């Protein structure tokens, strides 16, 4: 059974907003997470191109998207619009490893956060 969306979004917010300087901004009708620039975007199950599954699209380092989608296509996908720029789609249902997602979000945050924000974050 899929995790109810409000609970999934609440959990995603908790992880993303724990990063220093992270803010939430609504864009395109969805919550996005930023540290100056956007590092993640929620895609709810109703609006995610009819997939019926909630997801988050996350900024990724070059080459990471291809490796993750190839090795775990049940958990990761190439999101529309942002995929050509290397972003990773992560399903937020029972296949989601929330500890791994926290690491993925931290890596994405590091790509956009200022050095001042990153100081002291391991």
N, C-alpha and C. Protein backbone atom coordinates (compact mmCIF):
# COMPACT_ATOMS: atom_id res chain seq x y z
N UNK A 1 0.85 -1.19 0.00
CA UNK A 1 0.00 0.00 0.00
C UNK A 1 0.88 1.24 0.00
N UNK A 2 0.55 2.21 -0.82
CA UNK A 2 1.34 3.44 -0.93
C UNK A 2 1.19 4.28 0.33
N UNK A 3 2.25 4.99 0.67
CA UNK A 3 2.23 5.89 1.82
C UNK A 3 1.35 7.09 1.50
N UNK A 4 0.46 7.49 2.40
CA UNK A 4 -0.38 8.66 2.13
C UNK A 4 0.47 9.89 1.83
N UNK A 5 0.07 10.66 0.83
CA UNK A 5 0.87 11.79 0.37
C UNK A 5 1.16 12.84 1.44
N UNK A 6 0.20 13.25 2.27
CA UNK A 6 0.54 14.28 3.26
C UNK A 6 1.67 13.82 4.18
N UNK A 7 1.68 12.55 4.53
CA UNK A 7 2.74 12.02 5.40
C UNK A 7 4.08 12.01 4.66
N UNK A 8 4.06 11.65 3.39
CA UNK A 8 5.28 11.62 2.59
C UNK A 8 5.84 13.04 2.44
N UNK A 9 4.99 13.99 2.10
CA UNK A 9 5.44 15.36 1.94
C UNK A 9 5.97 15.92 3.26
N UNK A 10 5.32 15.61 4.35
CA UNK A 10 5.78 16.06 5.67
C UNK A 10 7.17 15.50 5.97
N UNK A 11 7.37 14.25 5.65
CA UNK A 11 8.67 13.61 5.89
C UNK A 11 9.74 14.22 4.98
N UNK A 12 9.40 14.46 3.73
CA UNK A 12 10.34 15.09 2.80
C UNK A 12 10.72 16.48 3.29
N UNK A 13 9.72 17.25 3.71
CA UNK A 13 9.99 18.60 4.24
C UNK A 13 10.95 18.54 5.42
N UNK A 14 10.73 17.61 6.32
CA UNK A 14 11.57 17.50 7.51
C UNK A 14 13.03 17.27 7.10
N UNK A 15 13.26 16.40 6.13
CA UNK A 15 14.63 16.10 5.70
C UNK A 15 15.24 17.29 4.97
N UNK A 16 14.50 17.85 4.02
CA UNK A 16 15.04 18.96 3.21
C UNK A 16 15.26 20.22 4.04
N UNK A 17 14.32 20.53 4.90
CA UNK A 17 14.41 21.77 5.66
C UNK A 17 15.42 21.69 6.81
N UNK A 18 15.95 20.50 7.10
CA UNK A 18 16.99 20.35 8.12
C UNK A 18 18.33 20.85 7.60
N UNK A 19 18.45 21.04 6.30
CA UNK A 19 19.71 21.52 5.71
C UNK A 19 19.84 23.02 5.95
N UNK A 20 21.02 23.49 6.31
CA UNK A 20 21.20 24.91 6.63
C UNK A 20 20.78 25.83 5.48
N UNK A 21 19.99 26.84 5.81
CA UNK A 21 19.58 27.83 4.83
C UNK A 21 18.53 27.35 3.86
N UNK A 22 18.02 26.14 4.04
CA UNK A 22 17.00 25.62 3.12
C UNK A 22 15.69 26.37 3.30
N UNK A 23 15.05 26.66 2.18
CA UNK A 23 13.74 27.30 2.20
C UNK A 23 12.81 26.51 1.30
N UNK A 24 11.54 26.65 1.55
CA UNK A 24 10.53 26.02 0.70
C UNK A 24 9.81 27.12 -0.07
N UNK A 25 9.71 26.94 -1.37
CA UNK A 25 9.04 27.89 -2.24
C UNK A 25 8.11 27.10 -3.15
N UNK A 26 6.86 27.53 -3.26
CA UNK A 26 5.96 26.87 -4.19
C UNK A 26 6.25 27.37 -5.60
N UNK A 27 6.42 26.44 -6.52
CA UNK A 27 6.63 26.76 -7.93
C UNK A 27 5.96 25.67 -8.75
N UNK A 28 5.32 26.07 -9.82
CA UNK A 28 4.61 25.13 -10.68
C UNK A 28 3.58 24.32 -9.90
N UNK A 29 3.06 24.90 -8.84
CA UNK A 29 2.04 24.24 -8.03
C UNK A 29 2.56 23.17 -7.09
N UNK A 30 3.87 23.10 -6.92
CA UNK A 30 4.49 22.08 -6.06
C UNK A 30 5.51 22.73 -5.12
N UNK A 31 5.75 22.12 -3.96
CA UNK A 31 6.81 22.62 -3.09
C UNK A 31 8.18 22.35 -3.72
N UNK A 32 9.04 23.36 -3.69
CA UNK A 32 10.43 23.18 -4.10
C UNK A 32 11.30 23.56 -2.91
N UNK A 33 12.49 23.02 -2.88
CA UNK A 33 13.41 23.27 -1.78
C UNK A 33 14.66 23.91 -2.34
N UNK A 34 15.08 25.00 -1.68
CA UNK A 34 16.15 25.82 -2.22
C UNK A 34 17.13 26.23 -1.12
N UNK A 35 18.35 26.50 -1.57
CA UNK A 35 19.37 27.14 -0.74
C UNK A 35 19.98 28.17 -1.67
N UNK A 36 19.21 29.21 -1.95
CA UNK A 36 19.54 30.14 -3.03
C UNK A 36 18.92 29.61 -4.30
N UNK A 37 19.48 28.56 -4.86
CA UNK A 37 18.94 27.91 -6.05
C UNK A 37 18.20 26.63 -5.63
N UNK A 38 17.37 26.14 -6.51
CA UNK A 38 16.57 24.95 -6.23
C UNK A 38 17.45 23.69 -6.24
N UNK A 39 17.25 22.85 -5.21
CA UNK A 39 17.95 21.57 -5.17
C UNK A 39 17.00 20.37 -5.17
N UNK A 40 15.71 20.60 -4.96
CA UNK A 40 14.74 19.50 -4.98
C UNK A 40 13.34 20.04 -5.22
N UNK A 41 12.50 19.17 -5.81
CA UNK A 41 11.11 19.54 -6.08
C UNK A 41 10.22 18.32 -5.86
N UNK A 42 9.18 18.51 -5.07
CA UNK A 42 8.21 17.45 -4.83
C UNK A 42 7.32 17.30 -6.05
N UNK A 43 6.98 16.07 -6.37
CA UNK A 43 6.05 15.78 -7.47
C UNK A 43 4.97 14.87 -6.91
N UNK A 44 3.79 15.43 -6.66
CA UNK A 44 2.75 14.61 -6.02
C UNK A 44 2.19 13.58 -7.00
N UNK A 45 1.56 12.57 -6.46
CA UNK A 45 1.09 11.43 -7.26
C UNK A 45 0.04 11.84 -8.29
N UNK A 46 -0.75 12.84 -8.00
CA UNK A 46 -1.80 13.25 -8.94
C UNK A 46 -1.23 14.01 -10.13
N UNK A 47 -0.21 14.81 -9.89
CA UNK A 47 0.33 15.66 -10.94
C UNK A 47 1.55 15.10 -11.64
N UNK A 48 2.06 13.98 -11.18
CA UNK A 48 3.29 13.43 -11.76
C UNK A 48 2.97 12.62 -13.01
N UNK A 49 2.45 13.29 -13.99
CA UNK A 49 2.17 12.69 -15.29
C UNK A 49 1.37 11.39 -15.18
N UNK A 50 0.44 11.36 -14.23
CA UNK A 50 -0.46 10.23 -14.10
C UNK A 50 0.16 8.97 -13.56
N UNK A 51 1.33 9.06 -12.93
CA UNK A 51 2.01 7.86 -12.44
C UNK A 51 1.30 7.26 -11.23
N UNK A 52 0.59 8.09 -10.46
CA UNK A 52 -0.03 7.61 -9.24
C UNK A 52 0.94 7.44 -8.09
N UNK A 53 2.19 7.87 -8.27
CA UNK A 53 3.22 7.72 -7.24
C UNK A 53 3.84 9.09 -6.94
N UNK A 54 3.97 9.39 -5.66
CA UNK A 54 4.65 10.62 -5.26
C UNK A 54 6.15 10.43 -5.45
N UNK A 55 6.83 11.53 -5.77
CA UNK A 55 8.27 11.47 -6.00
C UNK A 55 8.89 12.81 -5.64
N UNK A 56 10.21 12.83 -5.62
CA UNK A 56 10.96 14.07 -5.51
C UNK A 56 11.99 14.06 -6.63
N UNK A 57 12.15 15.21 -7.27
CA UNK A 57 13.17 15.39 -8.30
C UNK A 57 14.32 16.12 -7.64
N UNK A 58 15.53 15.59 -7.80
CA UNK A 58 16.67 16.09 -7.05
C UNK A 58 17.84 16.40 -7.98
N UNK A 59 18.46 17.54 -7.77
CA UNK A 59 19.65 17.92 -8.53
C UNK A 59 20.75 16.89 -8.26
N UNK A 60 21.46 16.50 -9.30
CA UNK A 60 22.49 15.47 -9.13
C UNK A 60 23.79 15.87 -9.81
N UNK A 61 24.86 15.37 -9.29
CA UNK A 61 26.18 15.59 -9.88
C UNK A 61 26.24 14.87 -11.23
N UNK A 62 27.06 15.36 -12.14
CA UNK A 62 27.18 14.72 -13.45
C UNK A 62 27.48 13.22 -13.33
N UNK A 63 26.75 12.43 -14.11
CA UNK A 63 26.94 10.98 -14.13
C UNK A 63 26.17 10.21 -13.09
N UNK A 64 25.73 10.87 -12.05
CA UNK A 64 25.04 10.15 -10.96
C UNK A 64 23.67 9.64 -11.39
N UNK A 65 22.93 10.44 -12.14
CA UNK A 65 21.59 10.04 -12.59
C UNK A 65 21.65 8.71 -13.33
N UNK A 66 22.52 8.62 -14.30
CA UNK A 66 22.60 7.42 -15.13
C UNK A 66 22.92 6.20 -14.28
N UNK A 67 23.88 6.32 -13.37
CA UNK A 67 24.25 5.18 -12.50
C UNK A 67 23.09 4.75 -11.62
N UNK A 68 22.40 5.70 -11.03
CA UNK A 68 21.33 5.36 -10.09
C UNK A 68 20.15 4.72 -10.80
N UNK A 69 19.77 5.29 -11.93
CA UNK A 69 18.63 4.75 -12.68
C UNK A 69 18.97 3.36 -13.22
N UNK A 70 20.20 3.17 -13.66
CA UNK A 70 20.62 1.87 -14.19
C UNK A 70 20.65 0.81 -13.10
N UNK A 71 21.16 1.15 -11.92
CA UNK A 71 21.32 0.16 -10.86
C UNK A 71 20.05 -0.09 -10.04
N UNK A 72 19.13 0.87 -9.98
CA UNK A 72 17.90 0.69 -9.18
C UNK A 72 16.71 1.36 -9.86
N UNK A 73 16.30 0.85 -11.04
CA UNK A 73 15.19 1.49 -11.77
C UNK A 73 13.84 1.39 -11.06
N UNK A 74 13.75 0.56 -10.04
CA UNK A 74 12.51 0.48 -9.26
C UNK A 74 12.41 1.63 -8.26
N UNK A 75 13.55 2.29 -7.96
CA UNK A 75 13.57 3.38 -6.98
C UNK A 75 13.86 4.74 -7.58
N UNK A 76 14.55 4.75 -8.73
CA UNK A 76 14.98 6.01 -9.35
C UNK A 76 14.53 6.07 -10.80
N UNK A 77 14.33 7.30 -11.31
CA UNK A 77 13.91 7.48 -12.69
C UNK A 77 14.43 8.83 -13.19
N UNK A 78 14.36 8.99 -14.49
CA UNK A 78 14.73 10.26 -15.11
C UNK A 78 13.47 11.11 -15.17
N UNK A 79 13.42 12.20 -14.42
CA UNK A 79 12.21 13.02 -14.40
C UNK A 79 12.05 13.84 -15.67
N UNK A 80 10.80 14.10 -16.04
CA UNK A 80 10.58 14.97 -17.19
C UNK A 80 11.09 16.38 -16.87
N UNK A 81 11.37 17.13 -17.90
CA UNK A 81 11.82 18.52 -17.81
C UNK A 81 13.23 18.65 -17.23
N UNK A 82 13.45 18.13 -16.02
CA UNK A 82 14.73 18.30 -15.33
C UNK A 82 15.71 17.17 -15.65
N UNK A 83 15.21 16.07 -16.13
CA UNK A 83 16.05 14.91 -16.44
C UNK A 83 17.19 15.20 -17.39
N UNK A 84 16.94 15.93 -18.48
CA UNK A 84 18.05 16.23 -19.39
C UNK A 84 19.19 17.03 -18.75
N UNK A 85 18.91 17.67 -17.62
CA UNK A 85 19.96 18.41 -16.89
C UNK A 85 20.62 17.54 -15.82
N UNK A 86 20.27 16.25 -15.80
CA UNK A 86 20.92 15.32 -14.88
C UNK A 86 20.20 15.09 -13.56
N UNK A 87 19.04 15.69 -13.38
CA UNK A 87 18.32 15.50 -12.12
C UNK A 87 17.85 14.05 -12.01
N UNK A 88 17.67 13.59 -10.76
CA UNK A 88 17.22 12.24 -10.46
C UNK A 88 15.82 12.30 -9.89
N UNK A 89 14.96 11.40 -10.33
CA UNK A 89 13.65 11.23 -9.72
C UNK A 89 13.74 10.11 -8.70
N UNK A 90 13.19 10.33 -7.51
CA UNK A 90 13.21 9.33 -6.45
C UNK A 90 11.77 9.06 -6.04
N UNK A 91 11.33 7.81 -6.17
CA UNK A 91 9.97 7.46 -5.73
C UNK A 91 9.88 7.54 -4.22
N UNK A 92 8.77 8.08 -3.72
CA UNK A 92 8.60 8.28 -2.27
C UNK A 92 7.56 7.33 -1.68
N UNK A 93 7.52 6.13 -2.18
CA UNK A 93 6.59 5.15 -1.62
C UNK A 93 7.38 4.08 -0.88
N UNK A 94 6.85 2.89 -0.79
CA UNK A 94 7.49 1.84 0.01
C UNK A 94 8.90 1.47 -0.47
N UNK A 95 9.29 1.83 -1.68
CA UNK A 95 10.64 1.51 -2.16
C UNK A 95 11.67 2.55 -1.71
N UNK A 96 11.23 3.64 -1.12
CA UNK A 96 12.15 4.72 -0.74
C UNK A 96 12.97 4.34 0.49
N UNK A 97 14.27 4.53 0.39
CA UNK A 97 15.18 4.40 1.52
C UNK A 97 15.41 5.83 2.01
N UNK A 98 14.76 6.22 3.10
CA UNK A 98 14.77 7.60 3.56
C UNK A 98 16.15 8.05 4.04
N UNK A 99 16.96 7.14 4.55
CA UNK A 99 18.33 7.52 4.93
C UNK A 99 19.14 7.84 3.67
N UNK A 100 18.98 7.03 2.65
CA UNK A 100 19.66 7.29 1.39
C UNK A 100 19.16 8.59 0.77
N UNK A 101 17.85 8.83 0.84
CA UNK A 101 17.30 10.07 0.30
C UNK A 101 17.89 11.28 1.02
N UNK A 102 18.07 11.19 2.32
CA UNK A 102 18.69 12.30 3.06
C UNK A 102 20.09 12.58 2.51
N UNK A 103 20.85 11.54 2.20
CA UNK A 103 22.18 11.73 1.62
C UNK A 103 22.10 12.34 0.22
N UNK A 104 21.13 11.89 -0.57
CA UNK A 104 20.95 12.42 -1.93
C UNK A 104 20.58 13.91 -1.86
N UNK A 105 19.68 14.26 -0.95
CA UNK A 105 19.28 15.66 -0.79
C UNK A 105 20.45 16.51 -0.30
N UNK A 106 21.26 15.97 0.60
CA UNK A 106 22.42 16.71 1.08
C UNK A 106 23.41 16.97 -0.06
N UNK A 107 23.63 15.97 -0.89
CA UNK A 107 24.52 16.15 -2.04
C UNK A 107 23.97 17.22 -2.98
N UNK A 108 22.66 17.20 -3.20
CA UNK A 108 22.03 18.21 -4.07
C UNK A 108 22.16 19.59 -3.46
N UNK A 109 21.91 19.69 -2.17
CA UNK A 109 22.04 20.96 -1.44
C UNK A 109 23.45 21.52 -1.58
N UNK A 110 24.45 20.64 -1.46
CA UNK A 110 25.86 21.08 -1.57
C UNK A 110 26.15 21.71 -2.94
N UNK A 111 25.45 21.29 -3.96
CA UNK A 111 25.69 21.83 -5.30
C UNK A 111 25.20 23.26 -5.45
N UNK A 112 24.25 23.67 -4.61
CA UNK A 112 23.69 25.01 -4.77
C UNK A 112 23.96 25.94 -3.58
N UNK A 113 24.26 25.39 -2.42
CA UNK A 113 24.45 26.20 -1.21
C UNK A 113 25.77 26.96 -1.26
N UNK A 114 25.77 28.14 -0.69
CA UNK A 114 26.99 28.94 -0.61
C UNK A 114 28.00 28.26 0.31
N UNK A 115 29.24 28.65 0.16
CA UNK A 115 30.30 28.09 1.03
C UNK A 115 30.03 28.43 2.49
N UNK A 116 29.47 29.60 2.71
CA UNK A 116 29.14 30.02 4.08
C UNK A 116 28.12 29.05 4.70
N UNK A 117 27.09 28.69 3.93
CA UNK A 117 26.09 27.75 4.43
C UNK A 117 26.71 26.37 4.65
N UNK A 118 27.62 25.98 3.79
CA UNK A 118 28.19 24.63 3.86
C UNK A 118 29.22 24.47 4.98
N UNK A 119 29.72 25.58 5.48
CA UNK A 119 30.74 25.52 6.54
C UNK A 119 30.18 24.76 7.75
N UNK A 120 30.88 23.76 8.15
CA UNK A 120 30.48 22.98 9.33
C UNK A 120 29.53 21.84 9.05
N UNK A 121 29.13 21.63 7.80
CA UNK A 121 28.24 20.52 7.47
C UNK A 121 29.10 19.37 6.96
N UNK A 122 28.97 18.21 7.62
CA UNK A 122 29.78 17.05 7.19
C UNK A 122 29.09 16.24 6.14
